[in-house]
Amino acid sequence: VDTVRATVRWRDARSTLHSGVTQV
């Protein structure tokens, strides 16, 4: 498999912290 699912964190335009699962 070329990618696996993993949890990531990011900040939106208002600098609010979010987390979610994406392919890495």
PDBML (XML) file of the C-alpha atoms, coordinates in Angstrom:
<?xml version="1.0" encoding="UTF-8" ?>
<PDBx:datablock datablockName="MODEL"
   xmlns:PDBx="http://pdbml.pdb.org/schema/pdbx-v50.xsd"
   xmlns:xsi="http://www.w3.org/2001/XMLSchema-instance"
   xsi:schemaLocation="http://pdbml.pdb.org/schema/pdbx-v50.xsd pdbx-v50.xsd">
   <PDBx:atom_siteCategory>
      <PDBx:atom_site id="1">
         <PDBx:B_iso_or_equiv>0.00</PDBx:B_iso_or_equiv>
         <PDBx:Cartn_x>0.000</PDBx:Cartn_x>
         <PDBx:Cartn_y>0.000</PDBx:Cartn_y>
         <PDBx:Cartn_z>0.000</PDBx:Cartn_z>
         <PDBx:auth_asym_id>A</PDBx:auth_asym_id>
         <PDBx:auth_atom_id>CA</PDBx:auth_atom_id>
         <PDBx:auth_comp_id>VAL</PDBx:auth_comp_id>
         <PDBx:auth_seq_id>1</PDBx:auth_seq_id>
         <PDBx:group_PDB>ATOM</PDBx:group_PDB>
         <PDBx:label_alt_id xsi:nil="true" />
         <PDBx:label_asym_id>A</PDBx:label_asym_id>
         <PDBx:label_atom_id>CA</PDBx:label_atom_id>
         <PDBx:label_comp_id>VAL</PDBx:label_comp_id>
         <PDBx:label_entity_id>1</PDBx:label_entity_id>
         <PDBx:label_seq_id>1</PDBx:label_seq_id>
         <PDBx:occupancy>1.00</PDBx:occupancy>
         <PDBx:pdbx_PDB_model_num>1</PDBx:pdbx_PDB_model_num>
         <PDBx:type_symbol>C</PDBx:type_symbol>
      </PDBx:atom_site>
      <PDBx:atom_site id="2">
         <PDBx:B_iso_or_equiv>0.00</PDBx:B_iso_or_equiv>
         <PDBx:Cartn_x>1.345</PDBx:Cartn_x>
         <PDBx:Cartn_y>3.448</PDBx:Cartn_y>
         <PDBx:Cartn_z>-0.926</PDBx:Cartn_z>
         <PDBx:auth_asym_id>A</PDBx:auth_asym_id>
         <PDBx:auth_atom_id>CA</PDBx:auth_atom_id>
         <PDBx:auth_comp_id>ASP</PDBx:auth_comp_id>
         <PDBx:auth_seq_id>2</PDBx:auth_seq_id>
         <PDBx:group_PDB>ATOM</PDBx:group_PDB>
         <PDBx:label_alt_id xsi:nil="true" />
         <PDBx:label_asym_id>A</PDBx:label_asym_id>
         <PDBx:label_atom_id>CA</PDBx:label_atom_id>
         <PDBx:label_comp_id>ASP</PDBx:label_comp_id>
         <PDBx:label_entity_id>1</PDBx:label_entity_id>
         <PDBx:label_seq_id>2</PDBx:label_seq_id>
         <PDBx:occupancy>1.00</PDBx:occupancy>
         <PDBx:pdbx_PDB_model_num>1</PDBx:pdbx_PDB_model_num>
         <PDBx:type_symbol>C</PDBx:type_symbol>
      </PDBx:atom_site>
      <PDBx:atom_site id="3">
         <PDBx:B_iso_or_equiv>0.00</PDBx:B_iso_or_equiv>
         <PDBx:Cartn_x>-0.319</PDBx:Cartn_x>
         <PDBx:Cartn_y>5.279</PDBx:Cartn_y>
         <PDBx:Cartn_z>1.984</PDBx:Cartn_z>
         <PDBx:auth_asym_id>A</PDBx:auth_asym_id>
         <PDBx:auth_atom_id>CA</PDBx:auth_atom_id>
         <PDBx:auth_comp_id>THR</PDBx:auth_comp_id>
         <PDBx:auth_seq_id>3</PDBx:auth_seq_id>
         <PDBx:group_PDB>ATOM</PDBx:group_PDB>
         <PDBx:label_alt_id xsi:nil="true" />
         <PDBx:label_asym_id>A</PDBx:label_asym_id>
         <PDBx:label_atom_id>CA</PDBx:label_atom_id>
         <PDBx:label_comp_id>THR</PDBx:label_comp_id>
         <PDBx:label_entity_id>1</PDBx:label_entity_id>
         <PDBx:label_seq_id>3</PDBx:label_seq_id>
         <PDBx:occupancy>1.00</PDBx:occupancy>
         <PDBx:pdbx_PDB_model_num>1</PDBx:pdbx_PDB_model_num>
         <PDBx:type_symbol>C</PDBx:type_symbol>
      </PDBx:atom_site>
      <PDBx:atom_site id="4">
         <PDBx:B_iso_or_equiv>0.00</PDBx:B_iso_or_equiv>
         <PDBx:Cartn_x>-1.585</PDBx:Cartn_x>
         <PDBx:Cartn_y>4.502</PDBx:Cartn_y>
         <PDBx:Cartn_z>5.473</PDBx:Cartn_z>
         <PDBx:auth_asym_id>A</PDBx:auth_asym_id>
         <PDBx:auth_atom_id>CA</PDBx:auth_atom_id>
         <PDBx:auth_comp_id>VAL</PDBx:auth_comp_id>
         <PDBx:auth_seq_id>4</PDBx:auth_seq_id>
         <PDBx:group_PDB>ATOM</PDBx:group_PDB>
         <PDBx:label_alt_id xsi:nil="true" />
         <PDBx:label_asym_id>A</PDBx:label_asym_id>
         <PDBx:label_atom_id>CA</PDBx:label_atom_id>
         <PDBx:label_comp_id>VAL</PDBx:label_comp_id>
         <PDBx:label_entity_id>1</PDBx:label_entity_id>
         <PDBx:label_seq_id>4</PDBx:label_seq_id>
         <PDBx:occupancy>1.00</PDBx:occupancy>
         <PDBx:pdbx_PDB_model_num>1</PDBx:pdbx_PDB_model_num>
         <PDBx:type_symbol>C</PDBx:type_symbol>
      </PDBx:atom_site>
      <PDBx:atom_site id="5">
         <PDBx:B_iso_or_equiv>0.00</PDBx:B_iso_or_equiv>
         <PDBx:Cartn_x>-4.068</PDBx:Cartn_x>
         <PDBx:Cartn_y>6.286</PDBx:Cartn_y>
         <PDBx:Cartn_z>7.732</PDBx:Cartn_z>
         <PDBx:auth_asym_id>A</PDBx:auth_asym_id>
         <PDBx:auth_atom_id>CA</PDBx:auth_atom_id>
         <PDBx:auth_comp_id>ARG</PDBx:auth_comp_id>
         <PDBx:auth_seq_id>5</PDBx:auth_seq_id>
         <PDBx:group_PDB>ATOM</PDBx:group_PDB>
         <PDBx:label_alt_id xsi:nil="true" />
         <PDBx:label_asym_id>A</PDBx:label_asym_id>
         <PDBx:label_atom_id>CA</PDBx:label_atom_id>
         <PDBx:label_comp_id>ARG</PDBx:label_comp_id>
         <PDBx:label_entity_id>1</PDBx:label_entity_id>
         <PDBx:label_seq_id>5</PDBx:label_seq_id>
         <PDBx:occupancy>1.00</PDBx:occupancy>
         <PDBx:pdbx_PDB_model_num>1</PDBx:pdbx_PDB_model_num>
         <PDBx:type_symbol>C</PDBx:type_symbol>
      </PDBx:atom_site>
      <PDBx:atom_site id="6">
         <PDBx:B_iso_or_equiv>0.00</PDBx:B_iso_or_equiv>
         <PDBx:Cartn_x>-2.657</PDBx:Cartn_x>
         <PDBx:Cartn_y>8.388</PDBx:Cartn_y>
         <PDBx:Cartn_z>10.563</PDBx:Cartn_z>
         <PDBx:auth_asym_id>A</PDBx:auth_asym_id>
         <PDBx:auth_atom_id>CA</PDBx:auth_atom_id>
         <PDBx:auth_comp_id>ALA</PDBx:auth_comp_id>
         <PDBx:auth_seq_id>6</PDBx:auth_seq_id>
         <PDBx:group_PDB>ATOM</PDBx:group_PDB>
         <PDBx:label_alt_id xsi:nil="true" />
         <PDBx:label_asym_id>A</PDBx:label_asym_id>
         <PDBx:label_atom_id>CA</PDBx:label_atom_id>
         <PDBx:label_comp_id>ALA</PDBx:label_comp_id>
         <PDBx:label_entity_id>1</PDBx:label_entity_id>
         <PDBx:label_seq_id>6</PDBx:label_seq_id>
         <PDBx:occupancy>1.00</PDBx:occupancy>
         <PDBx:pdbx_PDB_model_num>1</PDBx:pdbx_PDB_model_num>
         <PDBx:type_symbol>C</PDBx:type_symbol>
      </PDBx:atom_site>
      <PDBx:atom_site id="7">
         <PDBx:B_iso_or_equiv>0.00</PDBx:B_iso_or_equiv>
         <PDBx:Cartn_x>-3.749</PDBx:Cartn_x>
         <PDBx:Cartn_y>11.196</PDBx:Cartn_y>
         <PDBx:Cartn_z>12.902</PDBx:Cartn_z>
         <PDBx:auth_asym_id>A</PDBx:auth_asym_id>
         <PDBx:auth_atom_id>CA</PDBx:auth_atom_id>
         <PDBx:auth_comp_id>THR</PDBx:auth_comp_id>
         <PDBx:auth_seq_id>7</PDBx:auth_seq_id>
         <PDBx:group_PDB>ATOM</PDBx:group_PDB>
         <PDBx:label_alt_id xsi:nil="true" />
         <PDBx:label_asym_id>A</PDBx:label_asym_id>
         <PDBx:label_atom_id>CA</PDBx:label_atom_id>
         <PDBx:label_comp_id>THR</PDBx:label_comp_id>
         <PDBx:label_entity_id>1</PDBx:label_entity_id>
         <PDBx:label_seq_id>7</PDBx:label_seq_id>
         <PDBx:occupancy>1.00</PDBx:occupancy>
         <PDBx:pdbx_PDB_model_num>1</PDBx:pdbx_PDB_model_num>
         <PDBx:type_symbol>C</PDBx:type_symbol>
      </PDBx:atom_site>
      <PDBx:atom_site id="8">
         <PDBx:B_iso_or_equiv>0.00</PDBx:B_iso_or_equiv>
         <PDBx:Cartn_x>-2.539</PDBx:Cartn_x>
         <PDBx:Cartn_y>14.723</PDBx:Cartn_y>
         <PDBx:Cartn_z>12.116</PDBx:Cartn_z>
         <PDBx:auth_asym_id>A</PDBx:auth_asym_id>
         <PDBx:auth_atom_id>CA</PDBx:auth_atom_id>
         <PDBx:auth_comp_id>VAL</PDBx:auth_comp_id>
         <PDBx:auth_seq_id>8</PDBx:auth_seq_id>
         <PDBx:group_PDB>ATOM</PDBx:group_PDB>
         <PDBx:label_alt_id xsi:nil="true" />
         <PDBx:label_asym_id>A</PDBx:label_asym_id>
         <PDBx:label_atom_id>CA</PDBx:label_atom_id>
         <PDBx:label_comp_id>VAL</PDBx:label_comp_id>
         <PDBx:label_entity_id>1</PDBx:label_entity_id>
         <PDBx:label_seq_id>8</PDBx:label_seq_id>
         <PDBx:occupancy>1.00</PDBx:occupancy>
         <PDBx:pdbx_PDB_model_num>1</PDBx:pdbx_PDB_model_num>
         <PDBx:type_symbol>C</PDBx:type_symbol>
      </PDBx:atom_site>
      <PDBx:atom_site id="9">
         <PDBx:B_iso_or_equiv>0.00</PDBx:B_iso_or_equiv>
         <PDBx:Cartn_x>-2.979</PDBx:Cartn_x>
         <PDBx:Cartn_y>18.182</PDBx:Cartn_y>
         <PDBx:Cartn_z>13.677</PDBx:Cartn_z>
         <PDBx:auth_asym_id>A</PDBx:auth_asym_id>
         <PDBx:auth_atom_id>CA</PDBx:auth_atom_id>
         <PDBx:auth_comp_id>ARG</PDBx:auth_comp_id>
         <PDBx:auth_seq_id>9</PDBx:auth_seq_id>
         <PDBx:group_PDB>ATOM</PDBx:group_PDB>
         <PDBx:label_alt_id xsi:nil="true" />
         <PDBx:label_asym_id>A</PDBx:label_asym_id>
         <PDBx:label_atom_id>CA</PDBx:label_atom_id>
         <PDBx:label_comp_id>ARG</PDBx:label_comp_id>
         <PDBx:label_entity_id>1</PDBx:label_entity_id>
         <PDBx:label_seq_id>9</PDBx:label_seq_id>
         <PDBx:occupancy>1.00</PDBx:occupancy>
         <PDBx:pdbx_PDB_model_num>1</PDBx:pdbx_PDB_model_num>
         <PDBx:type_symbol>C</PDBx:type_symbol>
      </PDBx:atom_site>
      <PDBx:atom_site id="10">
         <PDBx:B_iso_or_equiv>0.00</PDBx:B_iso_or_equiv>
         <PDBx:Cartn_x>-3.188</PDBx:Cartn_x>
         <PDBx:Cartn_y>21.543</PDBx:Cartn_y>
         <PDBx:Cartn_z>11.940</PDBx:Cartn_z>
         <PDBx:auth_asym_id>A</PDBx:auth_asym_id>
         <PDBx:auth_atom_id>CA</PDBx:auth_atom_id>
         <PDBx:auth_comp_id>TRP</PDBx:auth_comp_id>
         <PDBx:auth_seq_id>10</PDBx:auth_seq_id>
         <PDBx:group_PDB>ATOM</PDBx:group_PDB>
         <PDBx:label_alt_id xsi:nil="true" />
         <PDBx:label_asym_id>A</PDBx:label_asym_id>
         <PDBx:label_atom_id>CA</PDBx:label_atom_id>
         <PDBx:label_comp_id>TRP</PDBx:label_comp_id>
         <PDBx:label_entity_id>1</PDBx:label_entity_id>
         <PDBx:label_seq_id>10</PDBx:label_seq_id>
         <PDBx:occupancy>1.00</PDBx:occupancy>
         <PDBx:pdbx_PDB_model_num>1</PDBx:pdbx_PDB_model_num>
         <PDBx:type_symbol>C</PDBx:type_symbol>
      </PDBx:atom_site>
      <PDBx:atom_site id="11">
         <PDBx:B_iso_or_equiv>0.00</PDBx:B_iso_or_equiv>
         <PDBx:Cartn_x>-4.227</PDBx:Cartn_x>
         <PDBx:Cartn_y>25.130</PDBx:Cartn_y>
         <PDBx:Cartn_z>12.567</PDBx:Cartn_z>
         <PDBx:auth_asym_id>A</PDBx:auth_asym_id>
         <PDBx:auth_atom_id>CA</PDBx:auth_atom_id>
         <PDBx:auth_comp_id>ARG</PDBx:auth_comp_id>
         <PDBx:auth_seq_id>11</PDBx:auth_seq_id>
         <PDBx:group_PDB>ATOM</PDBx:group_PDB>
         <PDBx:label_alt_id xsi:nil="true" />
         <PDBx:label_asym_id>A</PDBx:label_asym_id>
         <PDBx:label_atom_id>CA</PDBx:label_atom_id>
         <PDBx:label_comp_id>ARG</PDBx:label_comp_id>
         <PDBx:label_entity_id>1</PDBx:label_entity_id>
         <PDBx:label_seq_id>11</PDBx:label_seq_id>
         <PDBx:occupancy>1.00</PDBx:occupancy>
         <PDBx:pdbx_PDB_model_num>1</PDBx:pdbx_PDB_model_num>
         <PDBx:type_symbol>C</PDBx:type_symbol>
      </PDBx:atom_site>
      <PDBx:atom_site id="12">
         <PDBx:B_iso_or_equiv>0.00</PDBx:B_iso_or_equiv>
         <PDBx:Cartn_x>-6.869</PDBx:Cartn_x>
         <PDBx:Cartn_y>26.900</PDBx:Cartn_y>
         <PDBx:Cartn_z>10.507</PDBx:Cartn_z>
         <PDBx:auth_asym_id>A</PDBx:auth_asym_id>
         <PDBx:auth_atom_id>CA</PDBx:auth_atom_id>
         <PDBx:auth_comp_id>ASP</PDBx:auth_comp_id>
         <PDBx:auth_seq_id>12</PDBx:auth_seq_id>
         <PDBx:group_PDB>ATOM</PDBx:group_PDB>
         <PDBx:label_alt_id xsi:nil="true" />
         <PDBx:label_asym_id>A</PDBx:label_asym_id>
         <PDBx:label_atom_id>CA</PDBx:label_atom_id>
         <PDBx:label_comp_id>ASP</PDBx:label_comp_id>
         <PDBx:label_entity_id>1</PDBx:label_entity_id>
         <PDBx:label_seq_id>12</PDBx:label_seq_id>
         <PDBx:occupancy>1.00</PDBx:occupancy>
         <PDBx:pdbx_PDB_model_num>1</PDBx:pdbx_PDB_model_num>
         <PDBx:type_symbol>C</PDBx:type_symbol>
      </PDBx:atom_site>
      <PDBx:atom_site id="13">
         <PDBx:B_iso_or_equiv>0.00</PDBx:B_iso_or_equiv>
         <PDBx:Cartn_x>-6.774</PDBx:Cartn_x>
         <PDBx:Cartn_y>30.549</PDBx:Cartn_y>
         <PDBx:Cartn_z>9.377</PDBx:Cartn_z>
         <PDBx:auth_asym_id>A</PDBx:auth_asym_id>
         <PDBx:auth_atom_id>CA</PDBx:auth_atom_id>
         <PDBx:auth_comp_id>ALA</PDBx:auth_comp_id>
         <PDBx:auth_seq_id>13</PDBx:auth_seq_id>
         <PDBx:group_PDB>ATOM</PDBx:group_PDB>
         <PDBx:label_alt_id xsi:nil="true" />
         <PDBx:label_asym_id>A</PDBx:label_asym_id>
         <PDBx:label_atom_id>CA</PDBx:label_atom_id>
         <PDBx:label_comp_id>ALA</PDBx:label_comp_id>
         <PDBx:label_entity_id>1</PDBx:label_entity_id>
         <PDBx:label_seq_id>13</PDBx:label_seq_id>
         <PDBx:occupancy>1.00</PDBx:occupancy>
         <PDBx:pdbx_PDB_model_num>1</PDBx:pdbx_PDB_model_num>
         <PDBx:type_symbol>C</PDBx:type_symbol>
      </PDBx:atom_site>
      <PDBx:atom_site id="14">
         <PDBx:B_iso_or_equiv>0.00</PDBx:B_iso_or_equiv>
         <PDBx:Cartn_x>-7.873</PDBx:Cartn_x>
         <PDBx:Cartn_y>31.699</PDBx:Cartn_y>
         <PDBx:Cartn_z>12.893</PDBx:Cartn_z>
         <PDBx:auth_asym_id>A</PDBx:auth_asym_id>
         <PDBx:auth_atom_id>CA</PDBx:auth_atom_id>
         <PDBx:auth_comp_id>ARG</PDBx:auth_comp_id>
         <PDBx:auth_seq_id>14</PDBx:auth_seq_id>
         <PDBx:group_PDB>ATOM</PDBx:group_PDB>
         <PDBx:label_alt_id xsi:nil="true" />
         <PDBx:label_asym_id>A</PDBx:label_asym_id>
         <PDBx:label_atom_id>CA</PDBx:label_atom_id>
         <PDBx:label_comp_id>ARG</PDBx:label_comp_id>
         <PDBx:label_entity_id>1</PDBx:label_entity_id>
         <PDBx:label_seq_id>14</PDBx:label_seq_id>
         <PDBx:occupancy>1.00</PDBx:occupancy>
         <PDBx:pdbx_PDB_model_num>1</PDBx:pdbx_PDB_model_num>
         <PDBx:type_symbol>C</PDBx:type_symbol>
      </PDBx:atom_site>
      <PDBx:atom_site id="15">
         <PDBx:B_iso_or_equiv>0.00</PDBx:B_iso_or_equiv>
         <PDBx:Cartn_x>-5.088</PDBx:Cartn_x>
         <PDBx:Cartn_y>29.619</PDBx:Cartn_y>
         <PDBx:Cartn_z>14.509</PDBx:Cartn_z>
         <PDBx:auth_asym_id>A</PDBx:auth_asym_id>
         <PDBx:auth_atom_id>CA</PDBx:auth_atom_id>
         <PDBx:auth_comp_id>SER</PDBx:auth_comp_id>
         <PDBx:auth_seq_id>15</PDBx:auth_seq_id>
         <PDBx:group_PDB>ATOM</PDBx:group_PDB>
         <PDBx:label_alt_id xsi:nil="true" />
         <PDBx:label_asym_id>A</PDBx:label_asym_id>
         <PDBx:label_atom_id>CA</PDBx:label_atom_id>
         <PDBx:label_comp_id>SER</PDBx:label_comp_id>
         <PDBx:label_entity_id>1</PDBx:label_entity_id>
         <PDBx:label_seq_id>15</PDBx:label_seq_id>
         <PDBx:occupancy>1.00</PDBx:occupancy>
         <PDBx:pdbx_PDB_model_num>1</PDBx:pdbx_PDB_model_num>
         <PDBx:type_symbol>C</PDBx:type_symbol>
      </PDBx:atom_site>
      <PDBx:atom_site id="16">
         <PDBx:B_iso_or_equiv>0.00</PDBx:B_iso_or_equiv>
         <PDBx:Cartn_x>-7.583</PDBx:Cartn_x>
         <PDBx:Cartn_y>27.151</PDBx:Cartn_y>
         <PDBx:Cartn_z>15.997</PDBx:Cartn_z>
         <PDBx:auth_asym_id>A</PDBx:auth_asym_id>
         <PDBx:auth_atom_id>CA</PDBx:auth_atom_id>
         <PDBx:auth_comp_id>THR</PDBx:auth_comp_id>
         <PDBx:auth_seq_id>16</PDBx:auth_seq_id>
         <PDBx:group_PDB>ATOM</PDBx:group_PDB>
         <PDBx:label_alt_id xsi:nil="true" />
         <PDBx:label_asym_id>A</PDBx:label_asym_id>
         <PDBx:label_atom_id>CA</PDBx:label_atom_id>
         <PDBx:label_comp_id>THR</PDBx:label_comp_id>
         <PDBx:label_entity_id>1</PDBx:label_entity_id>
         <PDBx:label_seq_id>16</PDBx:label_seq_id>
         <PDBx:occupancy>1.00</PDBx:occupancy>
         <PDBx:pdbx_PDB_model_num>1</PDBx:pdbx_PDB_model_num>
         <PDBx:type_symbol>C</PDBx:type_symbol>
      </PDBx:atom_site>
      <PDBx:atom_site id="17">
         <PDBx:B_iso_or_equiv>0.00</PDBx:B_iso_or_equiv>
         <PDBx:Cartn_x>-6.028</PDBx:Cartn_x>
         <PDBx:Cartn_y>23.723</PDBx:Cartn_y>
         <PDBx:Cartn_z>16.506</PDBx:Cartn_z>
         <PDBx:auth_asym_id>A</PDBx:auth_asym_id>
         <PDBx:auth_atom_id>CA</PDBx:auth_atom_id>
         <PDBx:auth_comp_id>LEU</PDBx:auth_comp_id>
         <PDBx:auth_seq_id>17</PDBx:auth_seq_id>
         <PDBx:group_PDB>ATOM</PDBx:group_PDB>
         <PDBx:label_alt_id xsi:nil="true" />
         <PDBx:label_asym_id>A</PDBx:label_asym_id>
         <PDBx:label_atom_id>CA</PDBx:label_atom_id>
         <PDBx:label_comp_id>LEU</PDBx:label_comp_id>
         <PDBx:label_entity_id>1</PDBx:label_entity_id>
         <PDBx:label_seq_id>17</PDBx:label_seq_id>
         <PDBx:occupancy>1.00</PDBx:occupancy>
         <PDBx:pdbx_PDB_model_num>1</PDBx:pdbx_PDB_model_num>
         <PDBx:type_symbol>C</PDBx:type_symbol>
      </PDBx:atom_site>
      <PDBx:atom_site id="18">
         <PDBx:B_iso_or_equiv>0.00</PDBx:B_iso_or_equiv>
         <PDBx:Cartn_x>-7.745</PDBx:Cartn_x>
         <PDBx:Cartn_y>20.798</PDBx:Cartn_y>
         <PDBx:Cartn_z>14.738</PDBx:Cartn_z>
         <PDBx:auth_asym_id>A</PDBx:auth_asym_id>
         <PDBx:auth_atom_id>CA</PDBx:auth_atom_id>
         <PDBx:auth_comp_id>HIS</PDBx:auth_comp_id>
         <PDBx:auth_seq_id>18</PDBx:auth_seq_id>
         <PDBx:group_PDB>ATOM</PDBx:group_PDB>
         <PDBx:label_alt_id xsi:nil="true" />
         <PDBx:label_asym_id>A</PDBx:label_asym_id>
         <PDBx:label_atom_id>CA</PDBx:label_atom_id>
         <PDBx:label_comp_id>HIS</PDBx:label_comp_id>
         <PDBx:label_entity_id>1</PDBx:label_entity_id>
         <PDBx:label_seq_id>18</PDBx:label_seq_id>
         <PDBx:occupancy>1.00</PDBx:occupancy>
         <PDBx:pdbx_PDB_model_num>1</PDBx:pdbx_PDB_model_num>
         <PDBx:type_symbol>C</PDBx:type_symbol>
      </PDBx:atom_site>
      <PDBx:atom_site id="19">
         <PDBx:B_iso_or_equiv>0.00</PDBx:B_iso_or_equiv>
         <PDBx:Cartn_x>-6.984</PDBx:Cartn_x>
         <PDBx:Cartn_y>17.108</PDBx:Cartn_y>
         <PDBx:Cartn_z>14.454</PDBx:Cartn_z>
         <PDBx:auth_asym_id>A</PDBx:auth_asym_id>
         <PDBx:auth_atom_id>CA</PDBx:auth_atom_id>
         <PDBx:auth_comp_id>SER</PDBx:auth_comp_id>
         <PDBx:auth_seq_id>19</PDBx:auth_seq_id>
         <PDBx:group_PDB>ATOM</PDBx:group_PDB>
         <PDBx:label_alt_id xsi:nil="true" />
         <PDBx:label_asym_id>A</PDBx:label_asym_id>
         <PDBx:label_atom_id>CA</PDBx:label_atom_id>
         <PDBx:label_comp_id>SER</PDBx:label_comp_id>
         <PDBx:label_entity_id>1</PDBx:label_entity_id>
         <PDBx:label_seq_id>19</PDBx:label_seq_id>
         <PDBx:occupancy>1.00</PDBx:occupancy>
         <PDBx:pdbx_PDB_model_num>1</PDBx:pdbx_PDB_model_num>
         <PDBx:type_symbol>C</PDBx:type_symbol>
      </PDBx:atom_site>
      <PDBx:atom_site id="20">
         <PDBx:B_iso_or_equiv>0.00</PDBx:B_iso_or_equiv>
         <PDBx:Cartn_x>-8.117</PDBx:Cartn_x>
         <PDBx:Cartn_y>14.437</PDBx:Cartn_y>
         <PDBx:Cartn_z>12.046</PDBx:Cartn_z>
         <PDBx:auth_asym_id>A</PDBx:auth_asym_id>
         <PDBx:auth_atom_id>CA</PDBx:auth_atom_id>
         <PDBx:auth_comp_id>GLY</PDBx:auth_comp_id>
         <PDBx:auth_seq_id>20</PDBx:auth_seq_id>
         <PDBx:group_PDB>ATOM</PDBx:group_PDB>
         <PDBx:label_alt_id xsi:nil="true" />
         <PDBx:label_asym_id>A</PDBx:label_asym_id>
         <PDBx:label_atom_id>CA</PDBx:label_atom_id>
         <PDBx:label_comp_id>GLY</PDBx:label_comp_id>
         <PDBx:label_entity_id>1</PDBx:label_entity_id>
         <PDBx:label_seq_id>20</PDBx:label_seq_id>
         <PDBx:occupancy>1.00</PDBx:occupancy>
         <PDBx:pdbx_PDB_model_num>1</PDBx:pdbx_PDB_model_num>
         <PDBx:type_symbol>C</PDBx:type_symbol>
      </PDBx:atom_site>
      <PDBx:atom_site id="21">
         <PDBx:B_iso_or_equiv>0.00</PDBx:B_iso_or_equiv>
         <PDBx:Cartn_x>-7.137</PDBx:Cartn_x>
         <PDBx:Cartn_y>11.320</PDBx:Cartn_y>
         <PDBx:Cartn_z>10.172</PDBx:Cartn_z>
         <PDBx:auth_asym_id>A</PDBx:auth_asym_id>
         <PDBx:auth_atom_id>CA</PDBx:auth_atom_id>
         <PDBx:auth_comp_id>VAL</PDBx:auth_comp_id>
         <PDBx:auth_seq_id>21</PDBx:auth_seq_id>
         <PDBx:group_PDB>ATOM</PDBx:group_PDB>
         <PDBx:label_alt_id xsi:nil="true" />
         <PDBx:label_asym_id>A</PDBx:label_asym_id>
         <PDBx:label_atom_id>CA</PDBx:label_atom_id>
         <PDBx:label_comp_id>VAL</PDBx:label_comp_id>
         <PDBx:label_entity_id>1</PDBx:label_entity_id>
         <PDBx:label_seq_id>21</PDBx:label_seq_id>
         <PDBx:occupancy>1.00</PDBx:occupancy>
         <PDBx:pdbx_PDB_model_num>1</PDBx:pdbx_PDB_model_num>
         <PDBx:type_symbol>C</PDBx:type_symbol>
      </PDBx:atom_site>
      <PDBx:atom_site id="22">
         <PDBx:B_iso_or_equiv>0.00</PDBx:B_iso_or_equiv>
         <PDBx:Cartn_x>-5.651</PDBx:Cartn_x>
         <PDBx:Cartn_y>11.405</PDBx:Cartn_y>
         <PDBx:Cartn_z>6.684</PDBx:Cartn_z>
         <PDBx:auth_asym_id>A</PDBx:auth_asym_id>
         <PDBx:auth_atom_id>CA</PDBx:auth_atom_id>
         <PDBx:auth_comp_id>THR</PDBx:auth_comp_id>
         <PDBx:auth_seq_id>22</PDBx:auth_seq_id>
         <PDBx:group_PDB>ATOM</PDBx:group_PDB>
         <PDBx:label_alt_id xsi:nil="true" />
         <PDBx:label_asym_id>A</PDBx:label_asym_id>
         <PDBx:label_atom_id>CA</PDBx:label_atom_id>
         <PDBx:label_comp_id>THR</PDBx:label_comp_id>
         <PDBx:label_entity_id>1</PDBx:label_entity_id>
         <PDBx:label_seq_id>22</PDBx:label_seq_id>
         <PDBx:occupancy>1.00</PDBx:occupancy>
         <PDBx:pdbx_PDB_model_num>1</PDBx:pdbx_PDB_model_num>
         <PDBx:type_symbol>C</PDBx:type_symbol>
      </PDBx:atom_site>
      <PDBx:atom_site id="23">
         <PDBx:B_iso_or_equiv>0.00</PDBx:B_iso_or_equiv>
         <PDBx:Cartn_x>-3.497</PDBx:Cartn_x>
         <PDBx:Cartn_y>9.319</PDBx:Cartn_y>
         <PDBx:Cartn_z>4.363</PDBx:Cartn_z>
         <PDBx:auth_asym_id>A</PDBx:auth_asym_id>
         <PDBx:auth_atom_id>CA</PDBx:auth_atom_id>
         <PDBx:auth_comp_id>GLN</PDBx:auth_comp_id>
         <PDBx:auth_seq_id>23</PDBx:auth_seq_id>
         <PDBx:group_PDB>ATOM</PDBx:group_PDB>
         <PDBx:label_alt_id xsi:nil="true" />
         <PDBx:label_asym_id>A</PDBx:label_asym_id>
         <PDBx:label_atom_id>CA</PDBx:label_atom_id>
         <PDBx:label_comp_id>GLN</PDBx:label_comp_id>
         <PDBx:label_entity_id>1</PDBx:label_entity_id>
         <PDBx:label_seq_id>23</PDBx:label_seq_id>
         <PDBx:occupancy>1.00</PDBx:occupancy>
         <PDBx:pdbx_PDB_model_num>1</PDBx:pdbx_PDB_model_num>
         <PDBx:type_symbol>C</PDBx:type_symbol>
      </PDBx:atom_site>
      <PDBx:atom_site id="24">
         <PDBx:B_iso_or_equiv>0.00</PDBx:B_iso_or_equiv>
         <PDBx:Cartn_x>0.262</PDBx:Cartn_x>
         <PDBx:Cartn_y>9.631</PDBx:Cartn_y>
         <PDBx:Cartn_z>4.870</PDBx:Cartn_z>
         <PDBx:auth_asym_id>A</PDBx:auth_asym_id>
         <PDBx:auth_atom_id>CA</PDBx:auth_atom_id>
         <PDBx:auth_comp_id>VAL</PDBx:auth_comp_id>
         <PDBx:auth_seq_id>24</PDBx:auth_seq_id>
         <PDBx:group_PDB>ATOM</PDBx:group_PDB>
         <PDBx:label_alt_id xsi:nil="true" />
         <PDBx:label_asym_id>A</PDBx:label_asym_id>
         <PDBx:label_atom_id>CA</PDBx:label_atom_id>
         <PDBx:label_comp_id>VAL</PDBx:label_comp_id>
         <PDBx:label_entity_id>1</PDBx:label_entity_id>
         <PDBx:label_seq_id>24</PDBx:label_seq_id>
         <PDBx:occupancy>1.00</PDBx:occupancy>
         <PDBx:pdbx_PDB_model_num>1</PDBx:pdbx_PDB_model_num>
         <PDBx:type_symbol>C</PDBx:type_symbol>
      </PDBx:atom_site>
   </PDBx:atom_siteCategory>
</PDBx:datablock>
